Each structure stands twice: as C-alpha cells, then as structure tokens.
Amino acid sequence: MQMLFRKCEVSVAMAYCCMIYVIASVYYLIVTRQFGTPFYNAIAKDPKLVEIKKKSASKRRKAFYCGIAVGVIVLFIFKPFLGCADNN
C-alpha cells in the first residue's frame, strides 16, 4: 500500500478514463446548452417552489465548498505529491 502512494505516475487506463470524463462533460455542456430549462420554467410560476429550489441550491453549494476545503486541508496535511516535485 505504501508503494501506491510513492509513485508519481498515473496508469494509462486511469488517464484514458479521466480524459473520457472531461470530453463527455464538455460535450454535455455544449449539447445541453440549447435544451432550455423546462423544469425551471415550470417552477418559476410558483414562488414557494422557487424558494425551495433556492434553499436546496444553497445547501448543495455550501456542501461542495466544504468538500473543497476538506480536500485542501487533507492535501496540505498529508502532502501526497511532495515527492513528485523532487523526481522531475
């Protein structure tokens, strides 16, 4: 297990998977840009639903930002890629 964390390289399969994910995400953003927002248009007619959606979006945004903060703290504490800078 220790050897896994000492390597400064990514497997080819992992690199391909990551690139497929990036390409699929860009494709999704381009294609769905023209789809419109029928769900939002439907709830926009009811102020209660709009408020529920705003509260839900706020909770999810906070959870995402907390996840980023946790990730930064974990990386700062453990410094998993510190040895990679020395190898290059």
PDB file of N, CA and C in Angstrom:
ATOM      1  N   MET A   1       0.825  -1.195   0.000  1.00  0.00           N
ATOM      2  CA  MET A   1       0.000   0.000   0.000  1.00  0.00           C
ATOM      3  C   MET A   1       0.866   1.256   0.000  1.00  0.00           C
ATOM      4  N   GLN A   2       1.973   1.218   0.717  1.00  0.00           N
ATOM      5  CA  GLN A   2       2.869   2.381   0.784  1.00  0.00           C
ATOM      6  C   GLN A   2       3.428   2.695  -0.603  1.00  0.00           C
ATOM      7  N   MET A   3       3.706   1.652  -1.391  1.00  0.00           N
ATOM      8  CA  MET A   3       4.260   1.853  -2.723  1.00  0.00           C
ATOM      9  C   MET A   3       3.283   2.610  -3.624  1.00  0.00           C
ATOM     10  N   LEU A   4       2.001   2.390  -3.430  1.00  0.00           N
ATOM     11  CA  LEU A   4       0.982   3.066  -4.221  1.00  0.00           C
ATOM     12  C   LEU A   4       1.080   4.576  -4.071  1.00  0.00           C
ATOM     13  N   PHE A   5       1.389   5.041  -2.896  1.00  0.00           N
ATOM     14  CA  PHE A   5       1.430   6.471  -2.641  1.00  0.00           C
ATOM     15  C   PHE A   5       2.787   7.094  -2.968  1.00  0.00           C
ATOM     16  N   ARG A   6       3.780   6.296  -3.282  1.00  0.00           N
ATOM     17  CA  ARG A   6       5.102   6.833  -3.592  1.00  0.00           C
ATOM     18  C   ARG A   6       5.320   7.037  -5.088  1.00  0.00           C
ATOM     19  N   LYS A   7       4.476   6.472  -5.924  1.00  0.00           N
ATOM     20  CA  LYS A   7       4.634   6.605  -7.364  1.00  0.00           C
ATOM     21  C   LYS A   7       4.131   7.976  -7.817  1.00  0.00           C
ATOM     22  N   CYS A   8       4.796   8.545  -8.784  1.00  0.00           N
ATOM     23  CA  CYS A   8       4.409   9.834  -9.342  1.00  0.00           C
ATOM     24  C   CYS A   8       3.984   9.667 -10.790  1.00  0.00           C
ATOM     25  N   GLU A   9       3.208   8.678 -11.038  1.00  0.00           N
ATOM     26  CA  GLU A   9       2.722   8.438 -12.378  1.00  0.00           C
ATOM     27  C   GLU A   9       1.293   7.937 -12.299  1.00  0.00           C
ATOM     28  N   VAL A  10       0.596   8.094 -13.387  1.00  0.00           N
ATOM     29  CA  VAL A  10      -0.800   7.682 -13.468  1.00  0.00           C
ATOM     30  C   VAL A  10      -0.872   6.556 -14.483  1.00  0.00           C
ATOM     31  N   SER A  11      -1.674   5.562 -14.195  1.00  0.00           N
ATOM     32  CA  SER A  11      -1.812   4.463 -15.146  1.00  0.00           C
ATOM     33  C   SER A  11      -2.472   4.977 -16.423  1.00  0.00           C
ATOM     34  N   VAL A  12      -2.178   4.324 -17.515  1.00  0.00           N
ATOM     35  CA  VAL A  12      -2.739   4.717 -18.797  1.00  0.00           C
ATOM     36  C   VAL A  12      -4.258   4.578 -18.776  1.00  0.00           C
ATOM     37  N   ALA A  13      -4.748   3.516 -18.165  1.00  0.00           N
ATOM     38  CA  ALA A  13      -6.194   3.308 -18.083  1.00  0.00           C
ATOM     39  C   ALA A  13      -6.863   4.448 -17.314  1.00  0.00           C
ATOM     40  N   MET A  14      -6.236   4.884 -16.222  1.00  0.00           N
ATOM     41  CA  MET A  14      -6.801   5.985 -15.440  1.00  0.00           C
ATOM     42  C   MET A  14      -6.781   7.283 -16.245  1.00  0.00           C
ATOM     43  N   ALA A  15      -5.703   7.516 -16.970  1.00  0.00           N
ATOM     44  CA  ALA A  15      -5.604   8.719 -17.794  1.00  0.00           C
ATOM     45  C   ALA A  15      -6.695   8.729 -18.864  1.00  0.00           C
ATOM     46  N   TYR A  16      -6.910   7.563 -19.517  1.00  0.00           N
ATOM     47  CA  TYR A  16      -7.973   7.483 -20.515  1.00  0.00           C
ATOM     48  C   TYR A  16      -9.345   7.722 -19.892  1.00  0.00           C
ATOM     49  N   CYS A  17      -9.587   7.141 -18.733  1.00  0.00           N
ATOM     50  CA  CYS A  17     -10.874   7.340 -18.050  1.00  0.00           C
ATOM     51  C   CYS A  17     -11.100   8.816 -17.714  1.00  0.00           C
ATOM     52  N   CYS A  18     -10.065   9.468 -17.243  1.00  0.00           N
ATOM     53  CA  CYS A  18     -10.181  10.890 -16.904  1.00  0.00           C
ATOM     54  C   CYS A  18     -10.451  11.732 -18.142  1.00  0.00           C
ATOM     55  N   MET A  19      -9.756  11.436 -19.241  1.00  0.00           N
ATOM     56  CA  MET A  19      -9.976  12.184 -20.479  1.00  0.00           C
ATOM     57  C   MET A  19     -11.369  11.931 -21.049  1.00  0.00           C
ATOM     58  N   ILE A  20     -11.851  10.700 -20.959  1.00  0.00           N
ATOM     59  CA  ILE A  20     -13.216  10.400 -21.409  1.00  0.00           C
ATOM     60  C   ILE A  20     -14.217  11.212 -20.604  1.00  0.00           C
ATOM     61  N   TYR A  21     -13.998  11.312 -19.303  1.00  0.00           N
ATOM     62  CA  TYR A  21     -14.892  12.089 -18.441  1.00  0.00           C
ATOM     63  C   TYR A  21     -14.868  13.571 -18.825  1.00  0.00           C
ATOM     64  N   VAL A  22     -13.690  14.116 -19.066  1.00  0.00           N
ATOM     65  CA  VAL A  22     -13.567  15.528 -19.448  1.00  0.00           C
ATOM     66  C   VAL A  22     -14.256  15.777 -20.791  1.00  0.00           C
ATOM     67  N   ILE A  23     -14.004  14.914 -21.773  1.00  0.00           N
ATOM     68  CA  ILE A  23     -14.618  15.079 -23.087  1.00  0.00           C
ATOM     69  C   ILE A  23     -16.133  14.953 -22.992  1.00  0.00           C
ATOM     70  N   ALA A  24     -16.610  13.979 -22.231  1.00  0.00           N
ATOM     71  CA  ALA A  24     -18.057  13.800 -22.066  1.00  0.00           C
ATOM     72  C   ALA A  24     -18.679  15.017 -21.388  1.00  0.00           C
ATOM     73  N   SER A  25     -17.985  15.608 -20.424  1.00  0.00           N
ATOM     74  CA  SER A  25     -18.507  16.794 -19.726  1.00  0.00           C
ATOM     75  C   SER A  25     -18.594  17.993 -20.671  1.00  0.00           C
ATOM     76  N   VAL A  26     -17.565  18.199 -21.468  1.00  0.00           N
ATOM     77  CA  VAL A  26     -17.582  19.305 -22.433  1.00  0.00           C
ATOM     78  C   VAL A  26     -18.679  19.082 -23.462  1.00  0.00           C
ATOM     79  N   TYR A  27     -18.797  17.867 -23.972  1.00  0.00           N
ATOM     80  CA  TYR A  27     -19.853  17.528 -24.927  1.00  0.00           C
ATOM     81  C   TYR A  27     -21.228  17.808 -24.317  1.00  0.00           C
ATOM     82  N   TYR A  28     -21.427  17.369 -23.092  1.00  0.00           N
ATOM     83  CA  TYR A  28     -22.702  17.585 -22.398  1.00  0.00           C
ATOM     84  C   TYR A  28     -23.019  19.076 -22.290  1.00  0.00           C
ATOM     85  N   LEU A  29     -22.021  19.874 -21.903  1.00  0.00           N
ATOM     86  CA  LEU A  29     -22.246  21.316 -21.769  1.00  0.00           C
ATOM     87  C   LEU A  29     -22.613  21.957 -23.099  1.00  0.00           C
ATOM     88  N   ILE A  30     -21.954  21.534 -24.167  1.00  0.00           N
ATOM     89  CA  ILE A  30     -22.238  22.102 -25.487  1.00  0.00           C
ATOM     90  C   ILE A  30     -23.624  21.686 -25.972  1.00  0.00           C
ATOM     91  N   VAL A  31     -23.939  20.406 -25.860  1.00  0.00           N
ATOM     92  CA  VAL A  31     -25.200  19.889 -26.388  1.00  0.00           C
ATOM     93  C   VAL A  31     -26.396  20.385 -25.586  1.00  0.00           C
ATOM     94  N   THR A  32     -26.303  20.376 -24.272  1.00  0.00           N
ATOM     95  CA  THR A  32     -27.466  20.746 -23.452  1.00  0.00           C
ATOM     96  C   THR A  32     -27.672  22.249 -23.351  1.00  0.00           C
ATOM     97  N   ARG A  33     -26.748  23.024 -23.857  1.00  0.00           N
ATOM     98  CA  ARG A  33     -26.882  24.487 -23.800  1.00  0.00           C
ATOM     99  C   ARG A  33     -28.147  24.950 -24.516  1.00  0.00           C
ATOM    100  N   GLN A  34     -28.542  24.258 -25.560  1.00  0.00           N
ATOM    101  CA  GLN A  34     -29.710  24.652 -26.345  1.00  0.00           C
ATOM    102  C   GLN A  34     -31.003  23.980 -25.892  1.00  0.00           C
ATOM    103  N   PHE A  35     -30.957  23.147 -24.871  1.00  0.00           N
ATOM    104  CA  PHE A  35     -32.141  22.415 -24.436  1.00  0.00           C
ATOM    105  C   PHE A  35     -33.187  23.290 -23.745  1.00  0.00           C
ATOM    106  N   GLY A  36     -32.765  24.393 -23.170  1.00  0.00           N
ATOM    107  CA  GLY A  36     -33.710  25.205 -22.421  1.00  0.00           C
ATOM    108  C   GLY A  36     -33.859  24.689 -20.995  1.00  0.00           C
ATOM    109  N   THR A  37     -34.769  25.308 -20.262  1.00  0.00           N
ATOM    110  CA  THR A  37     -34.953  24.939 -18.858  1.00  0.00           C
ATOM    111  C   THR A  37     -36.434  24.740 -18.550  1.00  0.00           C
ATOM    112  N   PRO A  38     -37.046  23.675 -19.063  1.00  0.00           N
ATOM    113  CA  PRO A  38     -38.479  23.474 -18.832  1.00  0.00           C
ATOM    114  C   PRO A  38     -38.833  23.286 -17.361  1.00  0.00           C
ATOM    115  N   PHE A  39     -37.966  22.628 -16.603  1.00  0.00           N
ATOM    116  CA  PHE A  39     -38.253  22.438 -15.182  1.00  0.00           C
ATOM    117  C   PHE A  39     -38.264  23.777 -14.466  1.00  0.00           C
ATOM    118  N   TYR A  40     -37.235  24.588 -14.699  1.00  0.00           N
ATOM    119  CA  TYR A  40     -37.180  25.900 -14.043  1.00  0.00           C
ATOM    120  C   TYR A  40     -38.348  26.767 -14.502  1.00  0.00           C
ATOM    121  N   ASN A  41     -38.698  26.706 -15.769  1.00  0.00           N
ATOM    122  CA  ASN A  41     -39.835  27.490 -16.257  1.00  0.00           C
ATOM    123  C   ASN A  41     -41.126  27.085 -15.546  1.00  0.00           C
ATOM    124  N   ALA A  42     -41.281  25.793 -15.258  1.00  0.00           N
ATOM    125  CA  ALA A  42     -42.488  25.302 -14.582  1.00  0.00           C
ATOM    126  C   ALA A  42     -42.531  25.753 -13.126  1.00  0.00           C
ATOM    127  N   ILE A  43     -41.390  25.684 -12.412  1.00  0.00           N
ATOM    128  CA  ILE A  43     -41.423  26.062 -11.001  1.00  0.00           C
ATOM    129  C   ILE A  43     -41.393  27.577 -10.815  1.00  0.00           C
ATOM    130  N   ALA A  44     -40.970  28.298 -11.844  1.00  0.00           N
ATOM    131  CA  ALA A  44     -40.911  29.760 -11.732  1.00  0.00           C
ATOM    132  C   ALA A  44     -42.301  30.366 -11.535  1.00  0.00           C
ATOM    133  N   LYS A  45     -43.324  29.631 -11.901  1.00  0.00           N
ATOM    134  CA  LYS A  45     -44.697  30.108 -11.754  1.00  0.00           C
ATOM    135  C   LYS A  45     -45.189  30.030 -10.310  1.00  0.00           C
ATOM    136  N   ASP A  46     -44.513  29.252  -9.479  1.00  0.00           N
ATOM    137  CA  ASP A  46     -44.928  29.085  -8.086  1.00  0.00           C
ATOM    138  C   ASP A  46     -43.819  29.586  -7.163  1.00  0.00           C
ATOM    139  N   PRO A  47     -44.036  30.716  -6.477  1.00  0.00           N
ATOM    140  CA  PRO A  47     -42.989  31.300  -5.624  1.00  0.00           C
ATOM    141  C   PRO A  47     -42.503  30.356  -4.518  1.00  0.00           C
ATOM    142  N   LYS A  48     -43.371  29.493  -4.004  1.00  0.00           N
ATOM    143  CA  LYS A  48     -42.956  28.558  -2.960  1.00  0.00           C
ATOM    144  C   LYS A  48     -41.917  27.573  -3.498  1.00  0.00           C
ATOM    145  N   LEU A  49     -42.146  27.083  -4.691  1.00  0.00           N
ATOM    146  CA  LEU A  49     -41.205  26.143  -5.297  1.00  0.00           C
ATOM    147  C   LEU A  49     -39.868  26.813  -5.612  1.00  0.00           C
ATOM    148  N   VAL A  50     -39.919  28.074  -6.029  1.00  0.00           N
ATOM    149  CA  VAL A  50     -38.692  28.813  -6.309  1.00  0.00           C
ATOM    150  C   VAL A  50     -37.873  28.961  -5.024  1.00  0.00           C
ATOM    151  N   GLU A  51     -38.540  29.228  -3.923  1.00  0.00           N
ATOM    152  CA  GLU A  51     -37.842  29.378  -2.640  1.00  0.00           C
ATOM    153  C   GLU A  51     -37.227  28.051  -2.193  1.00  0.00           C
ATOM    154  N   ILE A  52     -37.962  26.958  -2.367  1.00  0.00           N
ATOM    155  CA  ILE A  52     -37.439  25.635  -2.025  1.00  0.00           C
ATOM    156  C   ILE A  52     -36.199  25.338  -2.863  1.00  0.00           C
ATOM    157  N   LYS A  53     -36.264  25.653  -4.149  1.00  0.00           N
ATOM    158  CA  LYS A  53     -35.123  25.413  -5.037  1.00  0.00           C
ATOM    159  C   LYS A  53     -33.920  26.249  -4.615  1.00  0.00           C
ATOM    160  N   LYS A  54     -34.137  27.504  -4.247  1.00  0.00           N
ATOM    161  CA  LYS A  54     -33.037  28.371  -3.807  1.00  0.00           C
ATOM    162  C   LYS A  54     -32.373  27.826  -2.544  1.00  0.00           C
ATOM    163  N   LYS A  55     -33.190  27.369  -1.590  1.00  0.00           N
ATOM    164  CA  LYS A  55     -32.639  26.817  -0.358  1.00  0.00           C
ATOM    165  C   LYS A  55     -31.836  25.548  -0.638  1.00  0.00           C
ATOM    166  N   SER A  56     -32.366  24.702  -1.504  1.00  0.00           N
ATOM    167  CA  SER A  56     -31.673  23.470  -1.847  1.00  0.00           C
ATOM    168  C   SER A  56     -30.346  23.770  -2.549  1.00  0.00           C
ATOM    169  N   ALA A  57     -30.359  24.710  -3.469  1.00  0.00           N
ATOM    170  CA  ALA A  57     -29.131  25.073  -4.184  1.00  0.00           C
ATOM    171  C   ALA A  57     -28.097  25.643  -3.218  1.00  0.00           C
ATOM    172  N   SER A  58     -28.551  26.419  -2.246  1.00  0.00           N
ATOM    173  CA  SER A  58     -27.636  27.000  -1.259  1.00  0.00           C
ATOM    174  C   SER A  58     -26.983  25.905  -0.415  1.00  0.00           C
ATOM    175  N   LYS A  59     -27.777  24.923   0.023  1.00  0.00           N
ATOM    176  CA  LYS A  59     -27.234  23.809   0.814  1.00  0.00           C
ATOM    177  C   LYS A  59     -26.202  23.024   0.014  1.00  0.00           C
ATOM    178  N   ARG A  60     -26.526  22.746  -1.245  1.00  0.00           N
ATOM    179  CA  ARG A  60     -25.611  21.973  -2.078  1.00  0.00           C
ATOM    180  C   ARG A  60     -24.327  22.753  -2.369  1.00  0.00           C
ATOM    181  N   ARG A  61     -24.451  24.056  -2.584  1.00  0.00           N
ATOM    182  CA  ARG A  61     -23.273  24.898  -2.809  1.00  0.00           C
ATOM    183  C   ARG A  61     -22.363  24.884  -1.589  1.00  0.00           C
ATOM    184  N   LYS A  62     -22.962  25.028  -0.416  1.00  0.00           N
ATOM    185  CA  LYS A  62     -22.168  25.010   0.818  1.00  0.00           C
ATOM    186  C   LYS A  62     -21.476  23.653   1.009  1.00  0.00           C
ATOM    187  N   ALA A  63     -22.192  22.578   0.722  1.00  0.00           N
ATOM    188  CA  ALA A  63     -21.604  21.247   0.864  1.00  0.00           C
ATOM    189  C   ALA A  63     -20.432  21.077  -0.101  1.00  0.00           C
ATOM    190  N   PHE A  64     -20.568  21.579  -1.330  1.00  0.00           N
ATOM    191  CA  PHE A  64     -19.492  21.478  -2.312  1.00  0.00           C
ATOM    192  C   PHE A  64     -18.272  22.271  -1.860  1.00  0.00           C
ATOM    193  N   TYR A  65     -18.486  23.493  -1.410  1.00  0.00           N
ATOM    194  CA  TYR A  65     -17.365  24.322  -0.943  1.00  0.00           C
ATOM    195  C   TYR A  65     -16.697  23.716   0.292  1.00  0.00           C
ATOM    196  N   CYS A  66     -17.480  23.121   1.174  1.00  0.00           N
ATOM    197  CA  CYS A  66     -16.893  22.432   2.328  1.00  0.00           C
ATOM    198  C   CYS A  66     -16.054  21.251   1.868  1.00  0.00           C
ATOM    199  N   GLY A  67     -16.510  20.531   0.851  1.00  0.00           N
ATOM    200  CA  GLY A  67     -15.739  19.425   0.305  1.00  0.00           C
ATOM    201  C   GLY A  67     -14.412  19.896  -0.267  1.00  0.00           C
ATOM    202  N   ILE A  68     -14.427  21.045  -0.937  1.00  0.00           N
ATOM    203  CA  ILE A  68     -13.179  21.617  -1.452  1.00  0.00           C
ATOM    204  C   ILE A  68     -12.250  21.965  -0.296  1.00  0.00           C
ATOM    205  N   ALA A  69     -12.800  22.578   0.747  1.00  0.00           N
ATOM    206  CA  ALA A  69     -11.985  22.947   1.910  1.00  0.00           C
ATOM    207  C   ALA A  69     -11.388  21.708   2.572  1.00  0.00           C
ATOM    208  N   VAL A  70     -12.181  20.662   2.726  1.00  0.00           N
ATOM    209  CA  VAL A  70     -11.680  19.418   3.319  1.00  0.00           C
ATOM    210  C   VAL A  70     -10.563  18.844   2.449  1.00  0.00           C
ATOM    211  N   GLY A  71     -10.757  18.859   1.143  1.00  0.00           N
ATOM    212  CA  GLY A  71      -9.732  18.358   0.238  1.00  0.00           C
ATOM    213  C   GLY A  71      -8.436  19.143   0.353  1.00  0.00           C
ATOM    214  N   VAL A  72      -8.536  20.467   0.426  1.00  0.00           N
ATOM    215  CA  VAL A  72      -7.342  21.309   0.562  1.00  0.00           C
ATOM    216  C   VAL A  72      -6.632  21.012   1.877  1.00  0.00           C
ATOM    217  N   ILE A  73      -7.400  20.891   2.956  1.00  0.00           N
ATOM    218  CA  ILE A  73      -6.801  20.612   4.269  1.00  0.00           C
ATOM    219  C   ILE A  73      -6.109  19.254   4.272  1.00  0.00           C
ATOM    220  N   VAL A  74      -6.777  18.240   3.718  1.00  0.00           N
ATOM    221  CA  VAL A  74      -6.191  16.896   3.679  1.00  0.00           C
ATOM    222  C   VAL A  74      -4.902  16.907   2.862  1.00  0.00           C
ATOM    223  N   LEU A  75      -4.922  17.565   1.699  1.00  0.00           N
ATOM    224  CA  LEU A  75      -3.720  17.625   0.869  1.00  0.00           C
ATOM    225  C   LEU A  75      -2.610  18.421   1.542  1.00  0.00           C
ATOM    226  N   PHE A  76      -2.970  19.479   2.263  1.00  0.00           N
ATOM    227  CA  PHE A  76      -1.971  20.277   2.972  1.00  0.00           C
ATOM    228  C   PHE A  76      -1.311  19.463   4.088  1.00  0.00           C
ATOM    229  N   ILE A  77      -2.116  18.680   4.796  1.00  0.00           N
ATOM    230  CA  ILE A  77      -1.593  17.882   5.912  1.00  0.00           C
ATOM    231  C   ILE A  77      -0.729  16.728   5.402  1.00  0.00           C
ATOM    232  N   PHE A  78      -1.223  15.962   4.440  1.00  0.00           N
ATOM    233  CA  PHE A  78      -0.536  14.748   4.002  1.00  0.00           C
ATOM    234  C   PHE A  78       0.479  14.978   2.879  1.00  0.00           C
ATOM    235  N   LYS A  79       0.327  16.052   2.120  1.00  0.00           N
ATOM    236  CA  LYS A  79       1.240  16.385   1.017  1.00  0.00           C
ATOM    237  C   LYS A  79       1.582  15.149   0.173  1.00  0.00           C
ATOM    238  N   PRO A  80       0.582  14.523  -0.458  1.00  0.00           N
ATOM    239  CA  PRO A  80       0.825  13.265  -1.162  1.00  0.00           C
ATOM    240  C   PRO A  80       1.716  13.396  -2.398  1.00  0.00           C
ATOM    241  N   PHE A  81       1.853  14.572  -2.964  1.00  0.00           N
ATOM    242  CA  PHE A  81       2.637  14.749  -4.187  1.00  0.00           C
ATOM    243  C   PHE A  81       3.935  15.486  -3.946  1.00  0.00           C
ATOM    244  N   LEU A  82       4.334  15.628  -2.716  1.00  0.00           N
ATOM    245  CA  LEU A  82       5.554  16.361  -2.383  1.00  0.00           C
ATOM    246  C   LEU A  82       6.786  15.722  -3.029  1.00  0.00           C
ATOM    247  N   GLY A  83       6.862  14.412  -3.016  1.00  0.00           N
ATOM    248  CA  GLY A  83       7.997  13.710  -3.600  1.00  0.00           C
ATOM    249  C   GLY A  83       8.021  13.794  -5.125  1.00  0.00           C
ATOM    250  N   CYS A  84       6.894  14.055  -5.735  1.00  0.00           N
ATOM    251  CA  CYS A  84       6.835  14.126  -7.206  1.00  0.00           C
ATOM    252  C   CYS A  84       7.627  15.328  -7.725  1.00  0.00           C
ATOM    253  N   ALA A  85       7.620  16.405  -6.999  1.00  0.00           N
ATOM    254  CA  ALA A  85       8.352  17.603  -7.430  1.00  0.00           C
ATOM    255  C   ALA A  85       9.858  17.339  -7.446  1.00  0.00           C
ATOM    256  N   ASP A  86      10.336  16.487  -6.558  1.00  0.00           N
ATOM    257  CA  ASP A  86      11.762  16.168  -6.483  1.00  0.00           C
ATOM    258  C   ASP A  86      12.197  15.253  -7.626  1.00  0.00           C
ATOM    259  N   ASN A  87      11.258  14.445  -8.137  1.00  0.00           N
ATOM    260  CA  ASN A  87      11.579  13.478  -9.191  1.00  0.00           C
ATOM    261  C   ASN A  87      11.687  14.104 -10.569  1.00  0.00           C
ATOM    262  N   ASN A  88      11.121  15.266 -10.767  1.00  0.00           N
ATOM    263  CA  ASN A  88      11.094  15.892 -12.101  1.00  0.00           C
ATOM    264  C   ASN A  88      12.233  16.811 -12.316  1.00  0.00           C
TER     265      ASN A  88
END
